[in-house]
Protein backbone atom coordinates (compact mmCIF):
# COMPACT_ATOMS: atom_id res chain seq x y z
CA MET A 1 61.83 4.59 17.06
CA LYS A 2 59.13 3.75 19.71
CA LYS A 3 57.70 7.59 19.96
CA SER A 4 57.79 7.06 15.89
CA PHE A 5 55.86 4.05 16.07
CA LEU A 6 53.32 5.26 19.09
CA THR A 7 52.96 8.18 17.01
CA THR A 8 51.88 6.42 13.63
CA CYS A 9 49.68 3.90 15.28
CA LEU A 10 47.95 7.57 17.21
CA ALA A 11 47.79 8.83 13.61
CA ILE A 12 46.48 5.91 11.74
CA PHE A 13 43.63 5.84 14.70
CA CYS A 14 42.41 8.85 14.70
CA CYS A 15 42.37 8.44 10.73
CA ILE A 16 39.94 5.45 10.64
CA ILE A 17 37.60 7.41 13.57
CA TYR A 18 37.85 10.35 11.22
CA GLN A 19 36.32 8.02 8.55
CA ASN A 20 33.72 6.08 10.43
CA THR A 21 32.15 9.57 11.72
CA LEU A 22 32.51 10.68 7.57
CA ALA A 23 30.21 7.34 6.98
CA GLN A 24 27.79 7.33 9.70
CA THR A 25 27.58 11.47 9.35
CA PHE A 26 24.35 10.27 7.36
CA LYS A 27 23.45 6.95 8.13
CA ALA A 28 19.92 6.25 7.59
CA THR A 29 17.49 5.01 10.13
CA ALA A 30 13.40 4.52 10.54
CA ILE A 31 13.07 7.82 10.77
CA PRO A 32 12.11 9.19 7.14
CA ASP A 33 15.58 11.79 6.06
CA ARG A 34 16.32 13.43 3.07
CA ILE A 35 13.13 14.47 2.28
CA ILE A 36 12.35 16.22 -1.04
CA LEU A 37 9.30 17.58 -3.07
CA THR A 38 9.63 17.75 -7.16
CA TRP A 39 6.87 17.48 -9.29
CA SER A 40 6.49 14.57 -11.93
CA ALA A 41 3.03 16.21 -12.74
CA ASP A 42 0.71 18.71 -12.78
CA PRO A 43 2.08 21.61 -10.37
CA ALA A 44 -1.72 22.91 -10.04
CA THR A 45 -3.25 19.52 -8.60
CA THR A 46 -0.50 17.05 -7.56
CA GLN A 47 2.87 17.13 -6.23
CA SER A 48 5.76 14.39 -5.49
CA VAL A 49 7.37 13.76 -2.69
CA THR A 50 10.52 11.33 -1.91
CA TRP A 51 12.52 10.36 0.67
CA ARG A 52 14.76 7.88 2.33
CA THR A 53 14.79 5.39 5.64
CA ASP A 54 16.75 2.22 6.45
CA SER A 55 16.77 -0.87 4.62
CA THR A 56 14.71 -2.24 7.42
CA VAL A 57 11.84 0.31 6.44
CA ARG A 58 10.15 -1.43 3.11
CA ILE A 59 6.58 0.78 3.30
CA GLY A 60 6.33 3.94 3.52
CA TYR A 61 2.71 6.15 3.50
CA GLY A 62 2.23 10.13 2.81
CA GLN A 63 -0.23 11.76 4.70
CA ILE A 64 -1.61 15.52 3.40
CA LEU A 65 -4.76 18.21 4.19
CA LEU A 66 -5.60 21.79 3.26
CA GLU A 67 -3.61 23.89 5.78
CA ASN A 68 -5.92 25.48 8.28
CA SER A 69 -3.55 25.97 11.09
CA SER A 70 -5.04 24.11 13.48
CA PRO A 71 -2.34 21.42 15.48
CA LYS A 72 -5.48 18.49 15.26
CA LEU A 73 -3.23 17.00 12.35
CA GLU A 74 -3.94 13.71 12.54
CA LYS A 75 -7.80 13.72 11.93
CA PRO A 76 -9.76 11.70 10.02
CA GLU A 77 -10.21 13.99 6.85
CA SER A 78 -6.40 13.29 6.75
CA LYS A 79 -5.65 11.55 3.21
CA GLU A 80 -3.08 8.91 3.28
CA ILE A 81 -1.20 7.45 0.53
CA ILE A 82 1.03 4.65 0.01
CA ALA A 83 4.40 5.05 -1.39
CA THR A 84 6.25 2.80 -4.10
CA SER A 85 9.58 1.72 -2.09
CA SER A 86 12.69 0.36 -3.62
CA ILE A 87 16.31 -0.55 -2.39
CA LEU A 88 19.36 1.39 -3.28
CA GLY A 89 22.98 0.19 -2.29
CA GLY A 90 25.88 -0.29 -3.74
CA LYS A 91 29.77 -1.42 -3.40
CA GLU A 92 30.57 1.70 -1.53
CA TYR A 93 27.72 2.22 0.52
CA GLU A 94 25.46 0.38 2.54
CA SER A 95 21.96 -0.02 1.12
CA THR A 96 18.65 1.93 1.91
CA SER A 97 15.41 2.26 0.92
CA TYR A 98 13.97 4.89 -1.09
CA HIS A 99 10.17 5.20 -1.11
CA SER A 100 8.66 7.85 -3.50
CA LEU A 101 4.54 9.06 -3.73
CA THR A 102 2.51 12.07 -5.80
CA PHE A 103 -0.32 13.57 -3.97
CA THR A 104 -3.14 13.77 -6.38
CA ASP A 105 -6.80 15.42 -6.78
CA LEU A 106 -4.83 19.00 -4.78
CA GLN A 107 -6.63 22.33 -5.34
CA PRO A 108 -4.91 24.97 -7.33
CA ASP A 109 -3.18 27.63 -5.16
CA GLN A 110 -3.79 26.03 -2.07
CA LEU A 111 -1.43 25.49 1.20
CA TYR A 112 -1.00 22.01 2.17
CA THR A 113 0.35 20.40 4.80
CA TYR A 114 1.65 16.62 4.69
CA ARG A 115 4.15 14.08 6.53
CA VAL A 116 5.60 10.77 5.65
CA GLY A 117 6.78 7.61 7.35
CA ASP A 118 6.24 4.21 7.66
CA GLY A 119 3.33 4.58 9.90
CA LYS A 120 5.16 4.51 12.99
CA ASN A 121 8.08 6.31 12.48
CA TRP A 122 7.01 9.97 11.03
CA SER A 123 9.05 12.96 9.70
CA GLU A 124 7.59 16.52 10.68
CA TRP A 125 4.96 18.48 9.00
CA PHE A 126 5.74 20.36 5.99
CA GLN A 127 4.06 22.68 3.81
CA PHE A 128 3.66 23.62 0.35
CA LYS A 129 1.81 25.66 -1.93
CA THR A 130 0.14 23.87 -4.99
CA ALA A 131 0.53 25.61 -8.52
CA PRO A 132 -2.34 28.48 -9.73
CA ALA A 133 -4.63 27.04 -12.42
CA THR A 134 -4.28 30.92 -14.16
CA ASP A 135 -1.79 33.36 -14.68
CA LYS A 136 -0.34 34.71 -11.55
CA PRO A 137 2.59 36.08 -10.43
CA PHE A 138 5.54 34.11 -8.95
CA SER A 139 9.10 33.89 -8.16
CA PHE A 140 11.60 30.70 -8.20
CA ILE A 141 15.38 30.48 -7.24
CA TYR A 142 17.79 29.38 -9.85
CA LEU A 143 21.35 28.08 -8.59
CA GLY A 144 24.29 26.65 -10.42
CA ASP A 145 26.94 24.08 -9.63
CA ALA A 146 27.09 23.04 -5.82
CA GLN A 147 29.77 20.67 -6.34
CA ASN A 148 32.23 20.95 -3.85
CA ASP A 149 32.49 21.61 -0.15
CA ILE A 150 28.92 21.44 -0.50
CA ARG A 151 27.87 21.21 3.36
CA SER A 152 30.68 23.64 4.31
CA LYS A 153 30.23 26.03 1.59
CA TRP A 154 27.81 25.56 -0.85
CA SER A 155 24.88 25.41 1.97
CA ARG A 156 24.84 29.25 3.25
CA VAL A 157 23.96 29.56 -0.31
CA ILE A 158 20.59 27.60 -0.76
CA ARG A 159 19.69 29.81 2.34
CA ARG A 160 20.60 32.70 1.94
CA ALA A 161 18.54 32.18 -1.11
CA PHE A 162 15.58 31.30 1.09
CA ALA A 163 15.92 34.01 3.46
CA THR A 164 16.13 36.03 0.65
CA TYR A 165 12.52 35.20 -0.58
CA GLY A 166 11.15 32.18 1.09
CA ASP A 167 8.15 32.25 -1.06
CA ALA A 168 9.74 30.86 -3.82
CA ARG A 169 7.69 28.60 -6.14
CA PHE A 170 10.40 25.71 -6.71
CA ILE A 171 14.72 25.76 -6.83
CA VAL A 172 16.34 25.48 -10.18
CA HIS A 173 19.49 23.51 -10.34
CA ALA A 174 21.44 23.48 -13.13
CA GLY A 175 23.61 20.03 -12.58
CA ASP A 176 26.67 19.14 -10.97
CA LEU A 177 24.88 19.08 -7.53
CA ILE A 178 27.62 16.66 -6.40
CA ASN A 179 31.64 15.92 -7.63
CA ARG A 180 31.86 12.06 -7.53
CA SER A 181 28.41 10.46 -8.77
CA ASN A 182 27.54 7.52 -7.04
CA ASN A 183 28.75 8.78 -3.61
CA ASP A 184 26.15 8.64 -0.96
CA ASN A 185 28.22 10.79 1.41
CA GLU A 186 27.92 13.59 -1.09
CA TRP A 187 24.07 13.25 -1.39
CA GLY A 188 24.17 13.20 1.88
CA GLU A 189 25.88 17.02 2.36
CA TRP A 190 23.84 18.08 -0.71
CA HIS A 191 20.41 17.28 1.31
CA PHE A 192 21.88 18.16 4.84
CA GLY A 193 22.46 21.92 3.01
CA GLY A 194 19.25 22.17 1.59
CA GLY A 195 17.44 20.69 4.60
CA PHE A 196 13.88 21.31 5.32
CA ILE A 197 13.86 23.62 2.29
CA ASN A 198 13.93 20.94 0.02
CA GLY A 199 10.88 19.20 1.91
CA MET A 200 8.46 22.65 1.56
CA ILE A 201 9.86 24.52 -2.49
CA PRO A 202 9.83 21.89 -4.90
CA SER A 203 13.13 21.16 -6.93
CA MET A 204 13.71 21.00 -10.88
CA PRO A 205 17.08 19.63 -11.35
CA SER A 206 19.39 19.13 -14.44
CA SER A 207 22.18 16.27 -14.32
CA GLY A 208 25.54 17.28 -15.18
CA ASN A 209 28.59 15.56 -16.06
CA HIS A 210 29.76 15.16 -12.10
CA GLU A 211 25.93 12.81 -12.10
CA TYR A 212 27.55 10.70 -14.58
CA PHE A 213 30.26 7.36 -14.31
CA ARG A 214 31.14 5.03 -17.20
CA ASP A 215 30.28 1.42 -16.02
CA GLU A 216 32.03 -1.81 -16.61
CA ALA A 217 31.47 -1.75 -19.81
CA LYS A 218 32.28 1.99 -20.25
CA ALA A 219 29.01 3.07 -20.97
CA LEU A 220 27.78 6.49 -19.74
CA THR A 221 25.42 5.60 -16.93
CA LEU A 222 23.59 8.55 -14.76
CA ASP A 223 23.75 8.08 -10.88
CA PRO A 224 20.96 5.28 -9.50
CA HIS A 225 20.67 8.08 -6.92
CA TRP A 226 19.10 10.46 -9.59
CA LYS A 227 15.68 8.22 -9.94
CA ALA A 228 15.88 7.46 -6.65
CA GLN A 229 15.84 10.51 -4.97
CA TYR A 230 13.60 12.57 -7.56
CA THR A 231 10.78 11.84 -8.94
CA LEU A 232 10.25 13.89 -12.14
CA PRO A 233 7.73 13.78 -15.19
CA GLU A 234 8.48 10.80 -17.33
CA ASN A 235 7.82 13.64 -20.67
CA GLY A 236 11.04 13.11 -22.37
CA PRO A 237 12.42 10.92 -24.73
CA GLU A 238 13.48 7.07 -24.25
CA GLY A 239 16.38 5.79 -22.30
CA LEU A 240 16.61 9.71 -20.76
CA LYS A 241 13.42 9.98 -18.99
CA GLU A 242 13.36 12.16 -15.29
CA SER A 243 16.81 14.09 -16.97
CA VAL A 244 15.30 15.20 -19.85
CA TYR A 245 11.74 16.85 -18.85
CA TYR A 246 9.20 19.59 -19.10
CA ILE A 247 7.08 21.33 -16.83
CA ASP A 248 4.33 23.95 -17.00
CA TYR A 249 4.44 26.08 -14.32
CA SER A 250 1.50 29.19 -13.93
CA ASN A 251 2.44 30.97 -17.61
CA VAL A 252 6.00 29.22 -18.08
CA ARG A 253 7.17 26.50 -19.36
CA ILE A 254 10.48 25.28 -18.70
CA ILE A 255 12.55 22.58 -20.31
CA SER A 256 15.45 20.68 -18.33
CA LEU A 257 18.01 19.57 -20.90
CA ASN A 258 20.44 16.51 -20.56
CA SER A 259 23.86 18.27 -21.82
CA GLN A 260 25.91 15.40 -20.60
CA MET A 261 24.52 13.16 -23.36
CA ILE A 262 24.24 15.85 -25.76
CA VAL A 263 28.06 16.95 -25.50
CA LEU A 264 29.25 13.42 -25.25
CA ASP A 265 26.31 10.92 -27.48
CA SER A 266 25.62 12.32 -30.96
CA ASN A 267 22.98 10.14 -31.04
CA SER A 268 21.41 11.82 -27.97
CA LEU A 269 21.96 15.09 -29.37
CA LYS A 270 19.81 14.41 -32.42
CA ILE A 271 16.90 12.80 -30.04
CA GLN A 272 16.88 15.78 -27.92
CA ALA A 273 17.44 18.13 -30.46
CA LYS A 274 14.13 16.60 -31.79
CA TRP A 275 12.05 16.32 -28.66
CA LEU A 276 12.86 19.82 -28.06
CA GLU A 277 11.61 21.37 -31.36
CA GLU A 278 8.40 19.38 -30.63
CA VAL A 279 8.13 21.04 -27.16
CA LEU A 280 8.61 24.24 -27.93
CA LYS A 281 6.43 24.33 -31.06
CA ASN A 282 3.91 22.70 -29.01
CA ASN A 283 3.82 25.55 -26.44
CA PRO A 284 0.93 27.20 -25.32
CA LYS A 285 2.79 29.68 -22.34
CA LYS A 286 4.22 32.77 -22.85
CA TRP A 287 7.69 32.72 -21.22
CA THR A 288 9.75 29.69 -21.85
CA MET A 289 12.91 28.98 -20.09
CA ILE A 290 15.28 26.12 -20.72
CA THR A 291 18.06 24.64 -17.99
CA TYR A 292 21.22 22.31 -19.02
CA HIS A 293 24.31 21.96 -17.56
CA HIS A 294 27.35 22.58 -20.26
CA PRO A 295 26.83 26.13 -21.57
CA ILE A 296 26.73 26.96 -25.51
CA TYR A 297 28.61 29.89 -24.90
CA SER A 298 31.40 29.35 -22.29
CA THR A 299 33.34 31.35 -20.30
CA ALA A 300 36.69 29.75 -19.87
CA LYS A 301 39.26 28.70 -22.67
CA GLY A 302 38.91 24.27 -23.48
CA ARG A 303 35.65 24.46 -22.90
CA ASP A 304 33.59 25.00 -26.35
CA ASN A 305 30.42 22.91 -26.76
CA LYS A 306 30.46 23.81 -30.58
CA ASP A 307 28.00 20.87 -31.75
CA PHE A 308 25.90 21.47 -28.91
CA ARG A 309 25.58 25.10 -29.87
CA GLU A 310 25.30 24.83 -33.73
CA VAL A 311 21.86 22.55 -33.60
CA PHE A 312 20.54 24.07 -30.24
CA LYS A 313 21.14 27.70 -30.74
CA PRO A 314 18.37 27.84 -34.47
CA LEU A 315 16.03 26.12 -32.06
CA PHE A 316 16.16 28.63 -29.24
CA ASP A 317 16.32 31.55 -31.76
CA LYS A 318 13.19 30.33 -33.91
CA TYR A 319 11.10 29.54 -30.89
CA HIS A 320 11.92 32.73 -28.51
CA VAL A 321 13.17 31.16 -25.86
CA ASP A 322 13.10 33.39 -23.11
CA LEU A 323 16.28 32.86 -20.64
CA LEU A 324 18.84 29.77 -20.72
CA MET A 325 20.05 28.86 -17.43
CA GLN A 326 23.47 27.15 -17.07
CA GLY A 327 26.34 26.24 -15.01
CA HIS A 328 29.62 23.75 -15.26
CA ASP A 329 31.77 27.18 -16.23
CA HIS A 330 31.94 28.21 -12.66
CA THR A 331 31.67 31.58 -12.82
CA TYR A 332 29.08 33.88 -13.75
CA SER A 333 28.44 35.99 -16.96
CA ARG A 334 25.42 36.91 -19.03
CA GLY A 335 24.82 38.16 -22.36
CA GLN A 336 22.76 37.68 -25.60
CA ASN A 337 25.37 37.36 -28.16
CA LEU A 338 23.63 39.79 -30.57
CA PRO A 339 25.31 40.82 -33.48
CA THR A 340 27.87 43.48 -33.44
CA GLY A 341 26.30 46.53 -33.43
CA THR A 342 23.09 45.71 -32.27
CA SER A 343 20.99 47.79 -29.36
CA GLY A 344 21.02 45.03 -26.05
CA ARG A 345 17.19 46.39 -26.00
CA VAL A 346 16.08 44.30 -28.51
CA GLY A 347 14.53 40.32 -28.51
CA GLY A 348 16.83 37.60 -28.04
CA PRO A 349 17.16 34.50 -26.05
CA VAL A 350 19.29 36.00 -22.67
CA TYR A 351 22.30 33.39 -21.75
CA VAL A 352 23.36 32.78 -18.45
CA VAL A 353 25.84 31.00 -16.55
CA SER A 354 26.61 30.96 -12.62
CA VAL A 355 27.99 28.52 -9.83
CA ALA A 356 26.33 28.63 -6.30
CA GLY A 357 29.27 26.44 -4.77
CA PRO A 358 33.31 27.17 -4.70
CA LYS A 359 34.56 25.23 -7.44
CA MET A 360 36.36 28.51 -9.39
CA TYR A 361 37.61 29.20 -12.50
CA LYS A 362 38.90 32.03 -14.41
CA VAL A 363 36.91 33.95 -17.38
CA ASP A 364 38.05 34.15 -20.80
CA VAL A 365 36.34 37.22 -21.80
CA ASP A 366 37.32 36.38 -25.52
CA PRO A 367 35.00 35.57 -27.67
CA LYS A 368 33.40 38.83 -25.83
CA TRP A 369 29.76 37.46 -25.81
CA MET A 370 29.64 38.45 -21.93
CA ASP A 371 28.00 41.89 -21.29
CA VAL A 372 28.09 40.94 -16.98
CA PHE A 373 30.72 38.57 -16.00
CA ALA A 374 32.14 37.27 -12.18
CA GLU A 375 34.91 34.96 -11.24
CA ASP A 376 35.50 33.94 -7.10
CA THR A 377 31.89 35.00 -6.51
CA GLN A 378 29.04 32.34 -5.08
CA LEU A 379 25.62 33.49 -6.34
CA PHE A 380 22.50 32.96 -6.19
CA GLN A 381 19.20 34.37 -8.90
CA ILE A 382 15.86 35.12 -8.18
CA ILE A 383 13.59 35.33 -11.10
CA SER A 384 10.29 36.80 -10.68
CA VAL A 385 7.18 36.38 -13.70
CA LYS A 386 4.30 38.56 -13.35
CA GLY A 387 2.03 38.70 -16.80
CA ASP A 388 3.41 40.25 -19.54
CA HIS A 389 6.91 40.95 -17.25
CA LEU A 390 10.07 38.82 -16.76
CA GLU A 391 12.73 40.39 -13.44
CA TYR A 392 16.14 38.76 -12.50
CA THR A 393 17.80 39.21 -10.48
CA ALA A 394 21.46 37.87 -9.24
CA TYR A 395 22.82 37.86 -5.83
CA LYS A 396 26.05 36.98 -4.33
CA ALA A 397 25.93 34.82 -1.19
CA SER A 398 26.46 38.12 1.25
CA GLY A 399 23.04 38.96 0.11
CA GLU A 400 24.45 41.96 -2.17
CA VAL A 401 22.38 42.76 -5.89
CA PHE A 402 25.16 41.79 -8.45
CA ASP A 403 23.33 42.00 -11.55
CA SER A 404 19.66 42.62 -12.89
CA PHE A 405 17.70 42.69 -15.91
CA LYS A 406 13.85 42.54 -17.04
CA LEU A 407 12.64 41.49 -19.69
CA HIS A 408 8.74 42.42 -21.18
CA LYS A 409 6.69 40.63 -23.61
CA THR A 410 4.65 43.19 -26.06
CA SER A 411 1.38 41.99 -28.03
CA LYS A 412 3.38 42.77 -31.51
CA THR A 413 6.13 40.22 -31.47
CA LYS A 414 6.62 37.14 -29.74
CA ALA A 415 10.34 38.19 -28.05
CA ALA A 416 10.87 39.82 -25.39
CA VAL A 417 12.81 43.04 -25.15
CA PHE A 418 15.12 43.27 -22.52
CA SER A 419 15.93 46.63 -20.00
CA ASP A 420 19.58 46.17 -18.43
CA THR A 421 18.74 47.32 -14.78
CA ARG A 422 22.23 46.30 -13.00
CA PRO A 423 23.41 48.61 -9.98
CA LYS A 424 25.25 51.41 -11.03
CA LYS A 425 28.60 51.06 -9.55
């Protein structure tokens, strides 16, 4: 009996120590952390940055200058900007300060170096490159759901993506970045996984169902971390700003939709559809890509988003959207869903579902809209745009090429011509 009692006490003590260790893993200090680049305005002339400190720090600054390889960075020509600071706190986690600023009047297509801090406690110096003012080749990374075991199993995927193409201009995250909404420890894991990459390559996140919870009034509520840690364009519809937005980069318009509100709120579906049509109708860019979380063509039974598809697919077709970057189904799939008997080498949006994290589902191949699919595989994608050409490559976490295709725009049609270039087995 005595032995059993001691064993129980020891187990409880170890559990308490373990929980405290978890809670302290991502504890804020006066030193800036969770440093992340996003855009809230023109990527060619501005750059937004957000970071976190403990709640004792109520002011923040950013310093920036053109990179010239000199170690003399703390010099008079280093431009200093004051941040907007606010407190984020909840019943489940300690209150912390989040700081946000936007560097403006930057020169296009230039490498800058910057740091953030409170005037005494500074981050390291980071680098980023502004977007070109003209049509120039570039590449970016697209990642599906991170969601589970983020620090343990997702981190290697984003790092392998960076190792594969470290000169990527931005990273698209297609929702469900974490598993439990308003859980600071999981957001800590997500920032840990991205690490210095987040401070060098801007992120374009879309919210998923796991970024939402229902408040005491049962209303759908976006995780307060979202607006605290991401500084995004406010060009979306009222009530959905910074979760619905678009960014123009070089010759591409990338649009982020809030599919959680689309599939659960019929009014939001109408609002976003109306907004999207205006954004597509008045699009001066050659290429159009849209990212959101819930696929309009699903890969698993019981996950069909019929209303979403029936309202939005006609817009995708009418305005010749080139690529749809989706998540949610925890598989990989790619297809155009063309009419039976139609050659794949014609125009038509390409729909992709991908997953970067370790949570996996089975593929339901009926209906067979997928030209390529995979189960139990973590992936990342590199998308390269060069004038009239787009190249898409999906890589396994190992770095092995799994899928690829090309799109080509001709002067005679707005729709892209598709070529399947996946590796031969």
